[in-house]
C-alpha atoms as a PDB file:
ATOM      1  CA  MET A   1     -61.371  16.285  26.334  1.00  0.00           C
ATOM      2  CA  ASN A   2     -61.475  18.833  23.536  1.00  0.00           C
ATOM      3  CA  GLN A   3     -61.197  22.421  24.751  1.00  0.00           C
ATOM      4  CA  ARG A   4     -60.134  25.674  23.126  1.00  0.00           C
ATOM      5  CA  ILE A   5     -60.406  29.391  23.696  1.00  0.00           C
ATOM      6  CA  GLY A   6     -63.359  30.560  21.622  1.00  0.00           C
ATOM      7  CA  TYR A   7     -63.436  34.324  22.128  1.00  0.00           C
ATOM      8  CA  VAL A   8     -61.279  36.991  23.706  1.00  0.00           C
ATOM      9  CA  SER A   9     -63.314  39.982  24.830  1.00  0.00           C
ATOM     10  CA  LEU A  10     -61.819  43.316  23.801  1.00  0.00           C
ATOM     11  CA  LEU A  11     -63.281  46.529  25.190  1.00  0.00           C
ATOM     12  CA  VAL A  12     -63.850  49.211  22.536  1.00  0.00           C
ATOM     13  CA  ARG A  13     -65.286  52.745  22.496  1.00  0.00           C
ATOM     14  CA  ASP A  14     -67.590  52.150  19.563  1.00  0.00           C
ATOM     15  CA  TYR A  15     -68.641  49.076  17.598  1.00  0.00           C
ATOM     16  CA  ASP A  16     -68.456  50.648  14.147  1.00  0.00           C
ATOM     17  CA  GLU A  17     -65.073  52.282  14.815  1.00  0.00           C
ATOM     18  CA  ALA A  18     -63.711  48.920  15.975  1.00  0.00           C
ATOM     19  CA  ILE A  19     -65.175  46.986  13.036  1.00  0.00           C
ATOM     20  CA  ALA A  20     -63.730  49.522  10.582  1.00  0.00           C
ATOM     21  CA  TYR A  21     -60.272  49.333  12.155  1.00  0.00           C
ATOM     22  CA  TYR A  22     -60.055  45.580  12.478  1.00  0.00           C
ATOM     23  CA  THR A  23     -61.491  44.853   9.018  1.00  0.00           C
ATOM     24  CA  ALA A  24     -60.088  47.690   6.878  1.00  0.00           C
ATOM     25  CA  THR A  25     -56.778  48.324   8.623  1.00  0.00           C
ATOM     26  CA  LEU A  26     -55.813  44.881   9.924  1.00  0.00           C
ATOM     27  CA  GLY A  27     -57.699  42.958   7.244  1.00  0.00           C
ATOM     28  CA  PHE A  28     -59.685  40.850   9.701  1.00  0.00           C
ATOM     29  CA  ARG A  29     -62.932  39.196   8.690  1.00  0.00           C
ATOM     30  CA  LEU A  30     -66.239  40.205  10.289  1.00  0.00           C
ATOM     31  CA  VAL A  31     -67.699  36.911  11.511  1.00  0.00           C
ATOM     32  CA  GLU A  32     -70.849  38.212  13.168  1.00  0.00           C
ATOM     33  CA  ASP A  33     -72.583  41.485  13.999  1.00  0.00           C
ATOM     34  CA  THR A  34     -75.881  40.821  15.744  1.00  0.00           C
ATOM     35  CA  LEU A  35     -78.040  43.387  17.522  1.00  0.00           C
ATOM     36  CA  LEU A  36     -78.892  42.103  21.020  1.00  0.00           C
ATOM     37  CA  ALA A  37     -80.464  45.256  22.480  1.00  0.00           C
ATOM     38  CA  PRO A  38     -80.740  48.882  21.361  1.00  0.00           C
ATOM     39  CA  SER A  39     -77.176  49.622  22.523  1.00  0.00           C
ATOM     40  CA  LYS A  40     -75.635  46.137  22.604  1.00  0.00           C
ATOM     41  CA  ARG A  41     -74.278  44.037  19.761  1.00  0.00           C
ATOM     42  CA  TRP A  42     -72.509  40.685  19.477  1.00  0.00           C
ATOM     43  CA  VAL A  43     -69.541  41.471  17.225  1.00  0.00           C
ATOM     44  CA  LEU A  44     -66.896  38.894  16.326  1.00  0.00           C
ATOM     45  CA  VAL A  45     -63.836  39.442  14.134  1.00  0.00           C
ATOM     46  CA  THR A  46     -60.992  37.096  13.247  1.00  0.00           C
ATOM     47  CA  PRO A  47     -57.846  37.152  11.097  1.00  0.00           C
ATOM     48  CA  PRO A  48     -58.664  36.458   7.446  1.00  0.00           C
ATOM     49  CA  SER A  49     -57.168  32.989   7.278  1.00  0.00           C
ATOM     50  CA  ALA A  50     -58.447  31.720  10.624  1.00  0.00           C
ATOM     51  CA  THR A  51     -60.147  28.377  10.397  1.00  0.00           C
ATOM     52  CA  HIS A  52     -63.788  27.828  11.298  1.00  0.00           C
ATOM     53  CA  GLY A  53     -64.015  27.507  15.060  1.00  0.00           C
ATOM     54  CA  GLY A  54     -60.780  29.418  15.643  1.00  0.00           C
ATOM     55  CA  THR A  55     -60.404  32.081  18.291  1.00  0.00           C
ATOM     56  CA  CYS A  56     -62.268  35.336  17.589  1.00  0.00           C
ATOM     57  CA  LEU A  57     -62.138  38.767  19.151  1.00  0.00           C
ATOM     58  CA  LEU A  58     -65.441  39.703  20.752  1.00  0.00           C
ATOM     59  CA  LEU A  59     -65.653  43.479  20.377  1.00  0.00           C
ATOM     60  CA  ALA A  60     -67.413  44.670  23.523  1.00  0.00           C
ATOM     61  CA  LYS A  61     -68.526  48.304  23.713  1.00  0.00           C
ATOM     62  CA  ALA A  62     -67.590  49.859  27.046  1.00  0.00           C
ATOM     63  CA  LYS A  63     -70.817  50.537  28.955  1.00  0.00           C
ATOM     64  CA  ASN A  64     -69.635  52.588  31.937  1.00  0.00           C
ATOM     65  CA  ALA A  65     -66.794  54.838  33.078  1.00  0.00           C
ATOM     66  CA  LEU A  66     -64.730  51.985  34.522  1.00  0.00           C
ATOM     67  CA  GLU A  67     -64.883  49.985  31.292  1.00  0.00           C
ATOM     68  CA  LEU A  68     -64.245  53.082  29.183  1.00  0.00           C
ATOM     69  CA  ALA A  69     -61.116  53.812  31.236  1.00  0.00           C
ATOM     70  CA  ALA A  70     -59.890  50.270  30.505  1.00  0.00           C
ATOM     71  CA  VAL A  71     -60.224  50.584  26.715  1.00  0.00           C
ATOM     72  CA  GLY A  72     -56.714  50.109  25.342  1.00  0.00           C
ATOM     73  CA  HIS A  73     -55.289  49.237  28.759  1.00  0.00           C
ATOM     74  CA  GLN A  74     -56.735  45.807  29.471  1.00  0.00           C
ATOM     75  CA  SER A  75     -53.258  44.350  29.933  1.00  0.00           C
ATOM     76  CA  GLY A  76     -51.712  47.151  31.972  1.00  0.00           C
ATOM     77  CA  GLY A  77     -49.569  48.412  29.081  1.00  0.00           C
ATOM     78  CA  ARG A  78     -48.067  45.043  28.154  1.00  0.00           C
ATOM     79  CA  VAL A  79     -48.500  43.295  24.834  1.00  0.00           C
ATOM     80  CA  PHE A  80     -52.008  41.900  25.015  1.00  0.00           C
ATOM     81  CA  LEU A  81     -52.562  39.998  21.770  1.00  0.00           C
ATOM     82  CA  PHE A  82     -50.270  38.026  19.477  1.00  0.00           C
ATOM     83  CA  LEU A  83     -51.014  37.936  15.756  1.00  0.00           C
ATOM     84  CA  HIS A  84     -49.122  35.036  14.183  1.00  0.00           C
ATOM     85  CA  THR A  85     -48.283  35.243  10.503  1.00  0.00           C
ATOM     86  CA  ASP A  86     -46.660  32.990   7.930  1.00  0.00           C
ATOM     87  CA  ASP A  87     -44.925  35.985   6.280  1.00  0.00           C
ATOM     88  CA  PHE A  88     -43.822  38.693   8.682  1.00  0.00           C
ATOM     89  CA  HIS A  89     -42.386  41.088   6.090  1.00  0.00           C
ATOM     90  CA  ARG A  90     -45.469  40.898   3.845  1.00  0.00           C
ATOM     91  CA  ASP A  91     -47.822  41.720   6.731  1.00  0.00           C
ATOM     92  CA  TYR A  92     -45.515  44.306   8.288  1.00  0.00           C
ATOM     93  CA  ALA A  93     -45.348  46.203   4.976  1.00  0.00           C
ATOM     94  CA  ALA A  94     -49.105  45.912   4.390  1.00  0.00           C
ATOM     95  CA  PHE A  95     -49.942  47.099   7.908  1.00  0.00           C
ATOM     96  CA  ARG A  96     -47.575  50.064   7.661  1.00  0.00           C
ATOM     97  CA  ALA A  97     -49.101  51.010   4.303  1.00  0.00           C
ATOM     98  CA  ARG A  98     -52.549  51.000   5.949  1.00  0.00           C
ATOM     99  CA  GLY A  99     -51.378  53.230   8.814  1.00  0.00           C
ATOM    100  CA  VAL A 100     -50.775  50.718  11.612  1.00  0.00           C
ATOM    101  CA  GLU A 101     -48.623  52.301  14.315  1.00  0.00           C
ATOM    102  CA  PHE A 102     -45.568  50.153  15.071  1.00  0.00           C
ATOM    103  CA  LEU A 103     -43.826  50.990  18.322  1.00  0.00           C
ATOM    104  CA  GLU A 104     -40.511  49.449  17.270  1.00  0.00           C
ATOM    105  CA  THR A 105     -38.644  48.185  14.268  1.00  0.00           C
ATOM    106  CA  PRO A 106     -38.788  44.463  13.500  1.00  0.00           C
ATOM    107  CA  ARG A 107     -36.395  42.315  15.459  1.00  0.00           C
ATOM    108  CA  SER A 108     -35.194  38.737  15.361  1.00  0.00           C
ATOM    109  CA  GLU A 109     -35.590  36.722  18.530  1.00  0.00           C
ATOM    110  CA  PRO A 110     -34.729  33.075  19.174  1.00  0.00           C
ATOM    111  CA  TYR A 111     -38.415  32.211  18.683  1.00  0.00           C
ATOM    112  CA  GLY A 112     -39.017  34.267  15.531  1.00  0.00           C
ATOM    113  CA  THR A 113     -39.397  37.691  13.926  1.00  0.00           C
ATOM    114  CA  VAL A 114     -41.524  40.186  15.837  1.00  0.00           C
ATOM    115  CA  ALA A 115     -42.547  43.837  16.115  1.00  0.00           C
ATOM    116  CA  VAL A 116     -44.956  45.483  18.544  1.00  0.00           C
ATOM    117  CA  PHE A 117     -47.793  47.551  17.140  1.00  0.00           C
ATOM    118  CA  GLN A 118     -50.629  49.454  18.729  1.00  0.00           C
ATOM    119  CA  ASP A 119     -54.235  49.304  17.569  1.00  0.00           C
ATOM    120  CA  CYS A 120     -56.495  52.342  17.345  1.00  0.00           C
ATOM    121  CA  PHE A 121     -57.535  51.904  20.983  1.00  0.00           C
ATOM    122  CA  GLY A 122     -54.008  51.640  22.411  1.00  0.00           C
ATOM    123  CA  ASN A 123     -53.809  47.861  22.835  1.00  0.00           C
ATOM    124  CA  ARG A 124     -50.353  46.489  22.171  1.00  0.00           C
ATOM    125  CA  TRP A 125     -49.977  43.548  19.822  1.00  0.00           C
ATOM    126  CA  ASP A 126     -47.068  41.430  18.623  1.00  0.00           C
ATOM    127  CA  LEU A 127     -46.951  40.748  14.923  1.00  0.00           C
ATOM    128  CA  LEU A 128     -45.056  37.487  15.061  1.00  0.00           C
ATOM    129  CA  GLN A 129     -43.669  34.936  12.642  1.00  0.00           C
ATOM    130  CA  LEU A 130     -42.470  31.956  14.641  1.00  0.00           C
ATOM    131  CA  ASN A 131     -39.393  30.062  13.576  1.00  0.00           C
ATOM    132  CA  VAL A 132     -40.256  26.654  12.157  1.00  0.00           C
ATOM    133  CA  ALA A 133     -38.812  24.952  15.268  1.00  0.00           C
ATOM    134  CA  ASN A 134     -41.228  26.940  17.446  1.00  0.00           C
ATOM    135  CA  SER A 135     -44.342  26.476  15.327  1.00  0.00           C
ATOM    136  CA  ALA A 136     -47.188  24.413  16.657  1.00  0.00           C
ATOM    137  CA  PRO A 137     -47.559  20.997  15.021  1.00  0.00           C
END
């Protein structure tokens, strides 16, 4: 059986604001932006080096008050997403230069080097470089 997580839905206030942040600030690649209805789009973004068929973020515009209240709080204030990198210090410096808000200074953990940052919507992310022993095969 071959299974994988294809998309992770992320509630956003506005499609264009989200696309601008994830592409210009985080350097993600816009995979798809398709109009489905006058106020609904299918928007997928992924880290720049993600392979074809890798997990994408599905940017979903909040459509009611309940969803709007959940923007930036989908995980109850915990780290929600984990961005793995092969060079923590390169990406940390680049993100800071582009205005990414880090909530802590980088730290070394038994599993790797990590720092928590917050996206423009308030979602918490780990920027994480795993130690070689903890990397997936």
